[in-house]
Amino acid sequence: MKTARAYVLRGDGYYCPVCNRHFRRFLSGGTERRPHVRCPNCDSLERHRLLWLALQPMIVKSRSLNHKLLHVAPEPCIASALKQQYDYLSVDMDPAKAMQQMDICQIPFPDATFDAIVCNHVLEHIPTDMKALQELYRVLKSSGWASIQVPMVGEHTQEDLSITDPQLRTKLYGQPDHVRQYGRDFQQRLESTGFQVTIIAKSELTAPKTLHTLSLDCESEVWLCRK
């Protein structure tokens, strides 16, 4: 299905850096339907394409070094690409969705095991998010990098763990399985764990004339962490 879809939509209007293919358009998507959201070949979304641009310097540097990468709740579109570059392990609470079942609040690996970690749109589901951050920091090697992305709205994180009603959670936090809505003060949580945070604007990653072809209108920046 994907192969046929990608073939039909091949063209020059849009480009997906994750699967390195060109299309005359991307597929629409999102809760509030937006045009040109999803790559018809690898299913990458805007945030995946922007992240992939930001990761390229680290990936190129690691390509010949057999670096270890931990991918939490793996997004299939970037998982297949990362497997080609790293000694790769994917984990999830649901064993059907990854190579190994794991609770990232109790990671069963020694300190400084991984050279890189990708953990995107996960922490908003975890009540004890600070414990998860501490564990991710612990198993990351010194000078290693981590992509720890969360959905953010506004400046301040909204959180009340006593709220369990799915409808109220959806209203307050965007989804029934979210336990908080992060704000930009998420940076303080990362830094309190020990991470050094770099915020990269999309204008730093590609030329302005290229932004349209990548379809990144709803994304503005990428946060990367270092140990």
N, C-alpha and C. Protein backbone atom coordinates (compact mmCIF):
# COMPACT_ATOMS: atom_id res chain seq x y z
N MET A 1 0.83 -1.21 0.00
CA MET A 1 0.00 0.00 0.00
C MET A 1 0.87 1.26 0.00
N LYS A 2 1.86 1.30 0.93
CA LYS A 2 2.73 2.47 0.99
C LYS A 2 3.52 2.64 -0.30
N THR A 3 4.02 1.51 -0.83
CA THR A 3 4.82 1.57 -2.05
C THR A 3 4.01 2.14 -3.20
N ALA A 4 2.78 1.68 -3.34
CA ALA A 4 1.91 2.19 -4.41
C ALA A 4 1.58 3.66 -4.20
N ARG A 5 1.31 4.03 -2.96
CA ARG A 5 0.98 5.41 -2.63
C ARG A 5 2.16 6.33 -2.93
N ALA A 6 3.33 5.91 -2.55
CA ALA A 6 4.53 6.72 -2.79
C ALA A 6 4.79 6.86 -4.29
N TYR A 7 4.53 5.79 -5.03
CA TYR A 7 4.75 5.84 -6.48
C TYR A 7 3.80 6.82 -7.14
N VAL A 8 2.53 6.77 -6.76
CA VAL A 8 1.52 7.64 -7.35
C VAL A 8 1.82 9.11 -7.06
N LEU A 9 2.35 9.39 -5.87
CA LEU A 9 2.57 10.78 -5.44
C LEU A 9 3.99 11.28 -5.70
N ARG A 10 4.79 10.52 -6.40
CA ARG A 10 6.15 10.97 -6.68
C ARG A 10 6.12 12.27 -7.48
N GLY A 11 7.10 13.13 -7.22
CA GLY A 11 7.16 14.43 -7.90
C GLY A 11 8.23 15.29 -7.28
N ASP A 12 8.14 16.60 -7.50
CA ASP A 12 9.21 17.50 -7.08
C ASP A 12 8.79 18.56 -6.07
N GLY A 13 7.54 18.55 -5.63
CA GLY A 13 7.08 19.64 -4.78
C GLY A 13 7.53 19.55 -3.33
N TYR A 14 7.70 18.31 -2.81
CA TYR A 14 8.02 18.12 -1.39
C TYR A 14 9.11 17.06 -1.24
N TYR A 15 9.85 17.17 -0.13
CA TYR A 15 10.98 16.27 0.09
C TYR A 15 10.97 15.77 1.53
N CYS A 16 11.15 14.47 1.71
CA CYS A 16 11.26 13.87 3.03
C CYS A 16 12.72 13.48 3.28
N PRO A 17 13.40 14.14 4.23
CA PRO A 17 14.80 13.80 4.50
C PRO A 17 14.97 12.47 5.22
N VAL A 18 13.89 11.96 5.85
CA VAL A 18 13.99 10.71 6.58
C VAL A 18 14.18 9.54 5.62
N CYS A 19 13.36 9.47 4.58
CA CYS A 19 13.48 8.39 3.61
C CYS A 19 14.14 8.83 2.30
N ASN A 20 14.49 10.13 2.24
CA ASN A 20 15.22 10.67 1.09
C ASN A 20 14.45 10.49 -0.22
N ARG A 21 13.16 10.91 -0.20
CA ARG A 21 12.33 10.81 -1.41
C ARG A 21 11.60 12.12 -1.67
N HIS A 22 11.26 12.32 -2.93
CA HIS A 22 10.56 13.53 -3.37
C HIS A 22 9.13 13.17 -3.79
N PHE A 23 8.20 14.10 -3.52
CA PHE A 23 6.79 13.87 -3.83
C PHE A 23 6.16 15.16 -4.33
N ARG A 24 5.07 15.02 -5.07
CA ARG A 24 4.36 16.22 -5.50
C ARG A 24 3.51 16.79 -4.37
N ARG A 25 3.21 15.97 -3.36
CA ARG A 25 2.54 16.46 -2.16
C ARG A 25 2.70 15.43 -1.05
N PHE A 26 2.55 15.89 0.20
CA PHE A 26 2.44 15.00 1.34
C PHE A 26 0.96 14.76 1.64
N LEU A 27 0.67 13.77 2.47
CA LEU A 27 -0.70 13.46 2.86
C LEU A 27 -1.15 14.39 3.98
N SER A 28 -2.43 14.66 4.05
CA SER A 28 -2.98 15.48 5.13
C SER A 28 -3.02 14.63 6.41
N GLY A 29 -3.13 15.32 7.57
CA GLY A 29 -3.16 14.58 8.82
C GLY A 29 -3.31 15.52 10.00
N GLY A 30 -3.20 14.97 11.20
CA GLY A 30 -3.34 15.76 12.42
C GLY A 30 -4.75 15.69 12.97
N THR A 31 -4.89 15.97 14.28
CA THR A 31 -6.21 15.99 14.92
C THR A 31 -7.11 17.02 14.25
N GLU A 32 -6.57 18.21 14.05
CA GLU A 32 -7.22 19.21 13.21
C GLU A 32 -6.55 19.12 11.86
N ARG A 33 -7.24 18.61 10.89
CA ARG A 33 -6.63 18.21 9.63
C ARG A 33 -5.82 19.34 9.01
N ARG A 34 -4.55 19.02 8.71
CA ARG A 34 -3.65 19.97 8.08
C ARG A 34 -3.16 19.37 6.77
N PRO A 35 -2.91 20.20 5.77
CA PRO A 35 -2.37 19.66 4.52
C PRO A 35 -0.88 19.37 4.64
N HIS A 36 -0.41 18.43 3.85
CA HIS A 36 1.02 18.16 3.70
C HIS A 36 1.69 17.84 5.04
N VAL A 37 1.11 16.88 5.76
CA VAL A 37 1.60 16.48 7.09
C VAL A 37 2.47 15.24 7.02
N ARG A 38 2.00 14.20 6.35
CA ARG A 38 2.60 12.86 6.44
C ARG A 38 3.27 12.46 5.13
N CYS A 39 4.50 11.98 5.26
CA CYS A 39 5.20 11.46 4.09
C CYS A 39 4.48 10.22 3.57
N PRO A 40 4.18 10.14 2.27
CA PRO A 40 3.44 8.98 1.75
C PRO A 40 4.28 7.71 1.69
N ASN A 41 5.59 7.82 1.90
CA ASN A 41 6.43 6.63 1.86
C ASN A 41 6.74 6.09 3.25
N CYS A 42 7.30 6.93 4.14
CA CYS A 42 7.73 6.44 5.46
C CYS A 42 6.81 6.87 6.60
N ASP A 43 5.80 7.69 6.31
CA ASP A 43 4.84 8.17 7.30
C ASP A 43 5.42 9.17 8.29
N SER A 44 6.57 9.78 7.99
CA SER A 44 7.11 10.80 8.88
C SER A 44 6.16 11.99 8.95
N LEU A 45 6.10 12.61 10.14
CA LEU A 45 5.35 13.84 10.35
C LEU A 45 6.32 15.01 10.36
N GLU A 46 5.79 16.22 10.52
CA GLU A 46 6.64 17.41 10.50
C GLU A 46 7.75 17.32 11.54
N ARG A 47 7.39 16.90 12.77
CA ARG A 47 8.39 16.87 13.84
C ARG A 47 9.47 15.84 13.56
N HIS A 48 9.15 14.74 12.88
CA HIS A 48 10.16 13.75 12.54
C HIS A 48 11.13 14.31 11.51
N ARG A 49 10.62 15.01 10.52
CA ARG A 49 11.49 15.54 9.47
C ARG A 49 12.43 16.61 10.02
N LEU A 50 11.91 17.48 10.90
CA LEU A 50 12.76 18.51 11.49
C LEU A 50 13.80 17.88 12.40
N LEU A 51 13.40 16.91 13.20
CA LEU A 51 14.35 16.23 14.08
C LEU A 51 15.44 15.56 13.27
N TRP A 52 15.07 14.93 12.16
CA TRP A 52 16.06 14.22 11.36
C TRP A 52 17.13 15.17 10.83
N LEU A 53 16.73 16.38 10.47
CA LEU A 53 17.72 17.37 10.04
C LEU A 53 18.67 17.70 11.19
N ALA A 54 18.14 17.86 12.39
CA ALA A 54 18.95 18.23 13.54
C ALA A 54 19.91 17.11 13.94
N LEU A 55 19.53 15.87 13.71
CA LEU A 55 20.35 14.74 14.13
C LEU A 55 21.49 14.42 13.17
N GLN A 56 21.45 14.96 11.97
CA GLN A 56 22.43 14.56 10.97
C GLN A 56 23.88 14.73 11.39
N PRO A 57 24.29 15.83 12.04
CA PRO A 57 25.70 15.94 12.45
C PRO A 57 26.14 14.82 13.39
N MET A 58 25.28 14.44 14.35
CA MET A 58 25.63 13.37 15.27
C MET A 58 25.65 12.01 14.58
N ILE A 59 24.71 11.80 13.67
CA ILE A 59 24.63 10.52 12.96
C ILE A 59 25.87 10.33 12.08
N VAL A 60 26.26 11.37 11.37
CA VAL A 60 27.44 11.28 10.51
C VAL A 60 28.68 10.98 11.34
N LYS A 61 28.80 11.63 12.50
CA LYS A 61 29.95 11.43 13.38
C LYS A 61 29.99 10.01 13.92
N SER A 62 28.83 9.41 14.16
CA SER A 62 28.75 8.09 14.79
C SER A 62 28.76 6.94 13.79
N ARG A 63 28.68 7.24 12.52
CA ARG A 63 28.40 6.22 11.51
C ARG A 63 29.40 5.06 11.55
N SER A 64 30.67 5.33 11.77
CA SER A 64 31.69 4.28 11.70
C SER A 64 32.18 3.83 13.08
N LEU A 65 31.49 4.27 14.15
CA LEU A 65 31.99 4.03 15.50
C LEU A 65 31.20 2.97 16.27
N ASN A 66 30.20 2.38 15.62
CA ASN A 66 29.38 1.34 16.27
C ASN A 66 28.78 1.82 17.58
N HIS A 67 28.29 3.05 17.58
CA HIS A 67 27.68 3.61 18.78
C HIS A 67 26.36 2.92 19.09
N LYS A 68 26.04 2.86 20.39
CA LYS A 68 24.80 2.25 20.85
C LYS A 68 23.72 3.32 21.01
N LEU A 69 22.52 3.02 20.51
CA LEU A 69 21.40 3.95 20.61
C LEU A 69 20.19 3.25 21.21
N LEU A 70 19.57 3.91 22.18
CA LEU A 70 18.33 3.44 22.80
C LEU A 70 17.17 4.27 22.26
N HIS A 71 16.18 3.60 21.69
CA HIS A 71 15.02 4.27 21.10
C HIS A 71 13.78 3.86 21.88
N VAL A 72 13.19 4.81 22.60
CA VAL A 72 12.03 4.55 23.46
C VAL A 72 10.75 4.84 22.70
N ALA A 73 9.78 3.91 22.76
CA ALA A 73 8.53 4.04 22.02
C ALA A 73 8.83 4.41 20.57
N PRO A 74 9.47 3.52 19.84
CA PRO A 74 10.06 3.86 18.54
C PRO A 74 9.04 4.28 17.49
N GLU A 75 9.33 5.40 16.86
CA GLU A 75 8.56 5.83 15.71
C GLU A 75 9.08 5.07 14.50
N PRO A 76 8.23 4.29 13.82
CA PRO A 76 8.72 3.44 12.73
C PRO A 76 9.49 4.20 11.65
N CYS A 77 9.08 5.42 11.36
CA CYS A 77 9.72 6.14 10.25
C CYS A 77 11.18 6.41 10.52
N ILE A 78 11.54 6.80 11.76
CA ILE A 78 12.95 7.06 12.03
C ILE A 78 13.66 5.82 12.58
N ALA A 79 12.90 4.85 13.09
CA ALA A 79 13.52 3.62 13.57
C ALA A 79 14.28 2.91 12.46
N SER A 80 13.65 2.78 11.32
CA SER A 80 14.29 2.05 10.21
C SER A 80 15.55 2.76 9.76
N ALA A 81 15.57 4.09 9.82
CA ALA A 81 16.75 4.85 9.42
C ALA A 81 17.85 4.74 10.48
N LEU A 82 17.48 4.81 11.76
CA LEU A 82 18.48 4.73 12.83
C LEU A 82 19.14 3.36 12.90
N LYS A 83 18.40 2.32 12.56
CA LYS A 83 18.96 0.97 12.59
C LYS A 83 20.14 0.82 11.64
N GLN A 84 20.16 1.63 10.60
CA GLN A 84 21.24 1.54 9.62
C GLN A 84 22.51 2.24 10.10
N GLN A 85 22.39 3.05 11.17
CA GLN A 85 23.52 3.88 11.60
C GLN A 85 24.08 3.48 12.96
N TYR A 86 23.31 2.75 13.78
CA TYR A 86 23.68 2.51 15.17
C TYR A 86 23.54 1.04 15.55
N ASP A 87 24.22 0.66 16.63
CA ASP A 87 23.91 -0.57 17.36
C ASP A 87 22.62 -0.25 18.11
N TYR A 88 21.52 -0.69 17.58
CA TYR A 88 20.20 -0.12 17.88
C TYR A 88 19.38 -1.04 18.77
N LEU A 89 18.72 -0.43 19.80
CA LEU A 89 17.77 -1.16 20.63
C LEU A 89 16.53 -0.31 20.82
N SER A 90 15.36 -0.86 20.47
CA SER A 90 14.10 -0.18 20.72
C SER A 90 13.39 -0.83 21.89
N VAL A 91 12.71 0.01 22.72
CA VAL A 91 12.02 -0.48 23.91
C VAL A 91 10.66 0.19 24.03
N ASP A 92 9.74 -0.52 24.67
CA ASP A 92 8.40 0.01 24.89
C ASP A 92 7.76 -0.81 26.00
N MET A 93 6.79 -0.20 26.66
CA MET A 93 6.02 -0.96 27.65
C MET A 93 5.23 -2.09 26.99
N ASP A 94 4.84 -1.89 25.73
CA ASP A 94 4.15 -2.91 24.95
C ASP A 94 5.18 -3.69 24.15
N PRO A 95 5.44 -4.96 24.48
CA PRO A 95 6.49 -5.71 23.79
C PRO A 95 6.23 -5.89 22.30
N ALA A 96 4.98 -5.74 21.88
CA ALA A 96 4.67 -5.89 20.45
C ALA A 96 5.15 -4.71 19.63
N LYS A 97 5.51 -3.60 20.29
CA LYS A 97 5.87 -2.38 19.57
C LYS A 97 7.37 -2.12 19.50
N ALA A 98 8.17 -3.00 20.10
CA ALA A 98 9.61 -2.75 20.15
C ALA A 98 10.36 -4.07 20.29
N MET A 99 11.69 -3.97 20.29
CA MET A 99 12.53 -5.15 20.39
C MET A 99 12.53 -5.73 21.81
N GLN A 100 12.30 -4.87 22.81
CA GLN A 100 12.35 -5.31 24.20
C GLN A 100 11.34 -4.54 25.02
N GLN A 101 10.67 -5.21 25.95
CA GLN A 101 9.76 -4.54 26.87
C GLN A 101 10.58 -3.86 27.97
N MET A 102 10.23 -2.62 28.29
CA MET A 102 11.00 -1.91 29.31
C MET A 102 10.19 -0.75 29.88
N ASP A 103 10.33 -0.57 31.17
CA ASP A 103 9.83 0.61 31.88
C ASP A 103 11.02 1.55 32.04
N ILE A 104 10.99 2.72 31.43
CA ILE A 104 12.16 3.60 31.47
C ILE A 104 12.34 4.28 32.82
N CYS A 105 11.44 4.04 33.75
CA CYS A 105 11.67 4.48 35.13
C CYS A 105 12.55 3.49 35.88
N GLN A 106 12.79 2.32 35.26
CA GLN A 106 13.68 1.30 35.83
C GLN A 106 14.43 0.63 34.68
N ILE A 107 15.41 1.31 34.13
CA ILE A 107 16.12 0.80 32.96
C ILE A 107 17.15 -0.24 33.41
N PRO A 108 17.06 -1.48 32.90
CA PRO A 108 17.92 -2.57 33.38
C PRO A 108 19.28 -2.61 32.68
N PHE A 109 19.96 -1.47 32.60
CA PHE A 109 21.29 -1.40 32.01
C PHE A 109 22.20 -0.62 32.94
N PRO A 110 23.49 -0.91 32.90
CA PRO A 110 24.44 -0.18 33.74
C PRO A 110 24.54 1.29 33.35
N ASP A 111 25.15 2.07 34.24
CA ASP A 111 25.43 3.47 33.94
C ASP A 111 26.23 3.58 32.64
N ALA A 112 25.99 4.66 31.92
CA ALA A 112 26.78 5.00 30.72
C ALA A 112 26.83 3.87 29.70
N THR A 113 25.67 3.30 29.39
CA THR A 113 25.60 2.21 28.40
C THR A 113 25.46 2.73 26.98
N PHE A 114 24.70 3.82 26.79
CA PHE A 114 24.32 4.25 25.45
C PHE A 114 25.00 5.55 25.04
N ASP A 115 25.36 5.61 23.77
CA ASP A 115 25.93 6.83 23.21
C ASP A 115 24.86 7.84 22.82
N ALA A 116 23.66 7.35 22.59
CA ALA A 116 22.56 8.22 22.14
C ALA A 116 21.23 7.64 22.60
N ILE A 117 20.26 8.53 22.82
CA ILE A 117 18.91 8.13 23.24
C ILE A 117 17.90 8.97 22.46
N VAL A 118 16.87 8.31 21.97
CA VAL A 118 15.74 8.99 21.34
C VAL A 118 14.49 8.61 22.13
N CYS A 119 13.87 9.61 22.75
CA CYS A 119 12.69 9.38 23.60
C CYS A 119 11.73 10.53 23.37
N ASN A 120 10.91 10.42 22.34
CA ASN A 120 10.07 11.52 21.91
C ASN A 120 8.59 11.26 22.19
N HIS A 121 7.92 12.27 22.76
CA HIS A 121 6.49 12.20 23.04
C HIS A 121 6.15 10.96 23.89
N VAL A 122 6.93 10.80 24.96
CA VAL A 122 6.77 9.70 25.90
C VAL A 122 6.47 10.20 27.31
N LEU A 123 7.21 11.20 27.76
CA LEU A 123 7.15 11.62 29.16
C LEU A 123 5.79 12.17 29.58
N GLU A 124 5.02 12.70 28.62
CA GLU A 124 3.70 13.22 28.97
C GLU A 124 2.73 12.10 29.36
N HIS A 125 3.15 10.84 29.16
CA HIS A 125 2.33 9.69 29.55
C HIS A 125 2.75 9.12 30.91
N ILE A 126 3.86 9.61 31.48
CA ILE A 126 4.47 8.98 32.65
C ILE A 126 4.28 9.85 33.89
N PRO A 127 3.57 9.36 34.91
CA PRO A 127 3.39 10.17 36.13
C PRO A 127 4.71 10.56 36.78
N THR A 128 5.65 9.63 36.86
CA THR A 128 6.94 9.91 37.50
C THR A 128 7.97 10.27 36.43
N ASP A 129 7.72 11.37 35.74
CA ASP A 129 8.60 11.73 34.62
C ASP A 129 10.01 12.07 35.06
N MET A 130 10.19 12.63 36.26
CA MET A 130 11.53 12.96 36.73
C MET A 130 12.35 11.69 36.97
N LYS A 131 11.72 10.63 37.44
CA LYS A 131 12.43 9.36 37.60
C LYS A 131 12.88 8.84 36.24
N ALA A 132 12.03 8.96 35.23
CA ALA A 132 12.40 8.53 33.88
C ALA A 132 13.57 9.35 33.35
N LEU A 133 13.54 10.66 33.56
CA LEU A 133 14.64 11.51 33.12
C LEU A 133 15.95 11.14 33.82
N GLN A 134 15.87 10.87 35.10
CA GLN A 134 17.07 10.48 35.84
C GLN A 134 17.66 9.18 35.30
N GLU A 135 16.80 8.24 34.95
CA GLU A 135 17.25 6.98 34.39
C GLU A 135 17.88 7.17 33.00
N LEU A 136 17.25 7.99 32.17
CA LEU A 136 17.81 8.26 30.85
C LEU A 136 19.17 8.92 30.97
N TYR A 137 19.30 9.84 31.89
CA TYR A 137 20.58 10.50 32.11
C TYR A 137 21.63 9.50 32.60
N ARG A 138 21.24 8.62 33.49
CA ARG A 138 22.16 7.65 34.07
C ARG A 138 22.77 6.73 33.01
N VAL A 139 21.94 6.23 32.08
CA VAL A 139 22.44 5.25 31.12
C VAL A 139 23.08 5.88 29.89
N LEU A 140 23.06 7.21 29.80
CA LEU A 140 23.71 7.91 28.69
C LEU A 140 25.19 8.12 29.01
N LYS A 141 26.04 7.88 28.04
CA LYS A 141 27.47 8.08 28.23
C LYS A 141 27.81 9.57 28.32
N SER A 142 28.91 9.86 28.98
CA SER A 142 29.40 11.23 29.03
C SER A 142 29.67 11.72 27.62
N SER A 143 29.22 12.93 27.32
CA SER A 143 29.29 13.57 25.99
C SER A 143 28.31 12.96 25.00
N GLY A 144 27.45 12.01 25.46
CA GLY A 144 26.42 11.47 24.58
C GLY A 144 25.29 12.47 24.37
N TRP A 145 24.42 12.17 23.40
CA TRP A 145 23.31 13.08 23.11
C TRP A 145 21.97 12.36 23.27
N ALA A 146 20.93 13.15 23.52
CA ALA A 146 19.58 12.60 23.67
C ALA A 146 18.57 13.55 23.04
N SER A 147 17.65 12.96 22.31
CA SER A 147 16.48 13.69 21.82
C SER A 147 15.31 13.34 22.72
N ILE A 148 14.92 14.30 23.57
CA ILE A 148 13.81 14.08 24.50
C ILE A 148 12.77 15.17 24.22
N GLN A 149 11.87 14.87 23.31
CA GLN A 149 10.88 15.85 22.86
C GLN A 149 9.55 15.58 23.57
N VAL A 150 8.83 16.63 23.86
CA VAL A 150 7.47 16.53 24.41
C VAL A 150 6.60 17.58 23.75
N PRO A 151 5.28 17.37 23.68
CA PRO A 151 4.40 18.44 23.19
C PRO A 151 4.36 19.57 24.20
N MET A 152 4.53 20.80 23.73
CA MET A 152 4.58 21.96 24.63
C MET A 152 3.57 23.01 24.22
N VAL A 153 2.94 23.61 25.24
CA VAL A 153 2.01 24.72 25.05
C VAL A 153 2.31 25.77 26.12
N GLY A 154 2.61 26.98 25.71
CA GLY A 154 2.82 28.05 26.67
C GLY A 154 4.14 27.94 27.42
N GLU A 155 4.23 28.69 28.52
CA GLU A 155 5.47 28.79 29.28
C GLU A 155 5.54 27.80 30.44
N HIS A 156 4.39 27.50 31.04
CA HIS A 156 4.40 26.75 32.29
C HIS A 156 3.68 25.40 32.16
N THR A 157 4.27 24.37 32.74
CA THR A 157 3.70 23.03 32.72
C THR A 157 2.45 22.98 33.60
N GLN A 158 1.39 22.38 33.06
CA GLN A 158 0.14 22.17 33.80
C GLN A 158 0.05 20.70 34.19
N GLU A 159 -0.09 20.44 35.49
CA GLU A 159 -0.04 19.06 35.95
C GLU A 159 -0.87 18.89 37.22
N ASP A 160 -1.72 17.88 37.21
CA ASP A 160 -2.47 17.49 38.41
C ASP A 160 -2.69 15.99 38.29
N LEU A 161 -1.86 15.21 38.98
CA LEU A 161 -1.90 13.76 38.84
C LEU A 161 -3.16 13.14 39.43
N SER A 162 -3.94 13.93 40.18
CA SER A 162 -5.20 13.40 40.71
C SER A 162 -6.28 13.34 39.64
N ILE A 163 -6.06 14.02 38.52
CA ILE A 163 -7.03 14.01 37.42
C ILE A 163 -6.86 12.72 36.63
N THR A 164 -7.89 11.89 36.62
CA THR A 164 -7.85 10.62 35.90
C THR A 164 -8.97 10.48 34.87
N ASP A 165 -9.92 11.41 34.89
CA ASP A 165 -11.04 11.35 33.95
C ASP A 165 -10.52 11.60 32.52
N PRO A 166 -10.75 10.67 31.59
CA PRO A 166 -10.22 10.81 30.23
C PRO A 166 -10.68 12.08 29.52
N GLN A 167 -11.94 12.45 29.71
CA GLN A 167 -12.45 13.65 29.04
C GLN A 167 -11.78 14.91 29.58
N LEU A 168 -11.57 14.96 30.88
CA LEU A 168 -10.92 16.13 31.46
C LEU A 168 -9.45 16.18 31.07
N ARG A 169 -8.81 15.04 31.03
CA ARG A 169 -7.42 15.00 30.58
C ARG A 169 -7.30 15.48 29.14
N THR A 170 -8.23 15.06 28.31
CA THR A 170 -8.21 15.51 26.92
C THR A 170 -8.37 17.02 26.84
N LYS A 171 -9.27 17.56 27.63
CA LYS A 171 -9.51 18.99 27.64
C LYS A 171 -8.28 19.76 28.11
N LEU A 172 -7.65 19.26 29.17
CA LEU A 172 -6.53 19.98 29.79
C LEU A 172 -5.19 19.69 29.13
N TYR A 173 -4.98 18.41 28.72
CA TYR A 173 -3.66 17.98 28.31
C TYR A 173 -3.57 17.49 26.86
N GLY A 174 -4.71 17.50 26.15
CA GLY A 174 -4.65 17.18 24.73
C GLY A 174 -5.04 15.77 24.36
N GLN A 175 -4.81 14.80 25.26
CA GLN A 175 -5.15 13.40 25.01
C GLN A 175 -5.57 12.73 26.32
N PRO A 176 -6.41 11.70 26.25
CA PRO A 176 -6.88 11.05 27.48
C PRO A 176 -5.78 10.31 28.23
N ASP A 177 -4.69 9.95 27.54
CA ASP A 177 -3.60 9.23 28.19
C ASP A 177 -2.43 10.13 28.55
N HIS A 178 -2.60 11.45 28.44
CA HIS A 178 -1.58 12.39 28.90
C HIS A 178 -1.85 12.75 30.35
N VAL A 179 -0.79 12.82 31.15
CA VAL A 179 -0.95 13.15 32.57
C VAL A 179 -0.53 14.59 32.87
N ARG A 180 -0.04 15.31 31.87
CA ARG A 180 0.32 16.72 32.04
C ARG A 180 0.44 17.37 30.66
N GLN A 181 0.43 18.71 30.67
CA GLN A 181 0.72 19.49 29.47
C GLN A 181 1.98 20.30 29.76
N TYR A 182 3.07 19.94 29.09
CA TYR A 182 4.33 20.64 29.32
C TYR A 182 4.31 22.04 28.72
N GLY A 183 5.00 22.95 29.40
CA GLY A 183 5.31 24.26 28.87
C GLY A 183 6.80 24.36 28.64
N ARG A 184 7.27 25.54 28.28
CA ARG A 184 8.68 25.70 27.99
C ARG A 184 9.56 25.57 29.23
N ASP A 185 8.96 25.56 30.40
CA ASP A 185 9.74 25.30 31.61
C ASP A 185 10.18 23.84 31.69
N PHE A 186 9.81 23.04 30.70
CA PHE A 186 10.36 21.68 30.59
C PHE A 186 11.88 21.71 30.57
N GLN A 187 12.44 22.79 30.06
CA GLN A 187 13.89 22.92 30.04
C GLN A 187 14.47 22.82 31.45
N GLN A 188 13.76 23.37 32.43
CA GLN A 188 14.25 23.31 33.81
C GLN A 188 14.26 21.88 34.34
N ARG A 189 13.28 21.07 33.93
CA ARG A 189 13.26 19.67 34.35
C ARG A 189 14.46 18.93 33.76
N LEU A 190 14.74 19.19 32.50
CA LEU A 190 15.89 18.55 31.86
C LEU A 190 17.19 18.95 32.54
N GLU A 191 17.34 20.24 32.77
CA GLU A 191 18.60 20.74 33.35
C GLU A 191 18.76 20.32 34.80
N SER A 192 17.66 20.19 35.54
CA SER A 192 17.76 19.75 36.94
C SER A 192 18.23 18.30 37.03
N THR A 193 18.03 17.54 35.96
CA THR A 193 18.51 16.16 35.91
C THR A 193 20.00 16.10 35.61
N GLY A 194 20.52 17.14 34.98
CA GLY A 194 21.93 17.19 34.61
C GLY A 194 22.17 17.43 33.13
N PHE A 195 21.13 17.35 32.32
CA PHE A 195 21.29 17.55 30.88
C PHE A 195 21.64 19.00 30.56
N GLN A 196 22.47 19.18 29.55
CA GLN A 196 22.69 20.48 28.93
C GLN A 196 21.77 20.55 27.71
N VAL A 197 20.96 21.58 27.63
CA VAL A 197 19.92 21.68 26.60
C VAL A 197 20.31 22.69 25.54
N THR A 198 20.22 22.27 24.29
CA THR A 198 20.42 23.17 23.15
C THR A 198 19.11 23.24 22.37
N ILE A 199 18.63 24.45 22.13
CA ILE A 199 17.40 24.65 21.36
C ILE A 199 17.80 25.17 19.99
N ILE A 200 17.45 24.42 18.95
CA ILE A 200 17.87 24.74 17.59
C ILE A 200 16.65 25.19 16.78
N ALA A 201 16.66 26.41 16.31
CA ALA A 201 15.58 26.91 15.45
C ALA A 201 15.66 26.26 14.08
N LYS A 202 14.51 26.05 13.46
CA LYS A 202 14.52 25.38 12.16
C LYS A 202 15.26 26.20 11.11
N SER A 203 15.33 27.51 11.29
CA SER A 203 16.05 28.36 10.34
C SER A 203 17.55 28.08 10.36
N GLU A 204 18.04 27.46 11.45
CA GLU A 204 19.45 27.10 11.55
C GLU A 204 19.76 25.79 10.84
N LEU A 205 18.74 25.04 10.47
CA LEU A 205 18.95 23.69 9.95
C LEU A 205 18.86 23.60 8.44
N THR A 206 18.21 24.56 7.82
CA THR A 206 18.07 24.50 6.37
C THR A 206 17.75 25.89 5.83
N ALA A 207 17.99 26.08 4.55
CA ALA A 207 17.74 27.37 3.93
C ALA A 207 16.25 27.66 3.90
N PRO A 208 15.86 28.95 4.00
CA PRO A 208 14.43 29.30 4.00
C PRO A 208 13.66 28.74 2.81
N LYS A 209 14.27 28.73 1.65
CA LYS A 209 13.56 28.25 0.46
C LYS A 209 13.30 26.74 0.52
N THR A 210 14.05 26.04 1.38
CA THR A 210 13.88 24.59 1.51
C THR A 210 12.78 24.23 2.50
N LEU A 211 12.45 25.15 3.42
CA LEU A 211 11.48 24.84 4.46
C LEU A 211 10.13 24.42 3.89
N HIS A 212 9.71 25.07 2.81
CA HIS A 212 8.41 24.74 2.21
C HIS A 212 8.40 23.30 1.70
N THR A 213 9.47 22.88 1.08
CA THR A 213 9.50 21.53 0.51
C THR A 213 9.49 20.46 1.58
N LEU A 214 9.94 20.80 2.80
CA LEU A 214 9.92 19.85 3.91
C LEU A 214 8.59 19.86 4.66
N SER A 215 7.79 20.90 4.45
CA SER A 215 6.49 21.08 5.12
C SER A 215 6.65 21.05 6.63
N LEU A 216 7.24 22.14 7.17
CA LEU A 216 7.52 22.22 8.60
C LEU A 216 6.79 23.38 9.26
N ASP A 217 5.69 23.83 8.68
CA ASP A 217 5.02 25.04 9.15
C ASP A 217 4.64 24.98 10.62
N CYS A 218 4.22 23.82 11.12
CA CYS A 218 3.74 23.75 12.51
C CYS A 218 4.86 23.48 13.51
N GLU A 219 6.10 23.36 13.04
CA GLU A 219 7.25 23.13 13.92
C GLU A 219 8.19 24.33 13.84
N SER A 220 8.80 24.69 14.97
CA SER A 220 9.69 25.85 14.97
C SER A 220 11.10 25.54 15.45
N GLU A 221 11.29 24.45 16.26
CA GLU A 221 12.60 24.21 16.83
C GLU A 221 12.72 22.76 17.28
N VAL A 222 13.96 22.37 17.55
CA VAL A 222 14.28 21.05 18.09
C VAL A 222 15.10 21.24 19.35
N TRP A 223 14.78 20.47 20.40
CA TRP A 223 15.55 20.49 21.64
C TRP A 223 16.42 19.24 21.68
N LEU A 224 17.73 19.43 21.87
CA LEU A 224 18.66 18.32 22.01
C LEU A 224 19.40 18.45 23.34
N CYS A 225 19.65 17.30 23.95
CA CYS A 225 20.31 17.26 25.26
C CYS A 225 21.69 16.62 25.15
N ARG A 226 22.60 17.10 25.97
CA ARG A 226 23.94 16.52 26.06
C ARG A 226 24.22 16.17 27.52
N LYS A 227 25.09 15.18 27.71
CA LYS A 227 25.54 14.82 29.05
C LYS A 227 27.02 15.19 29.17
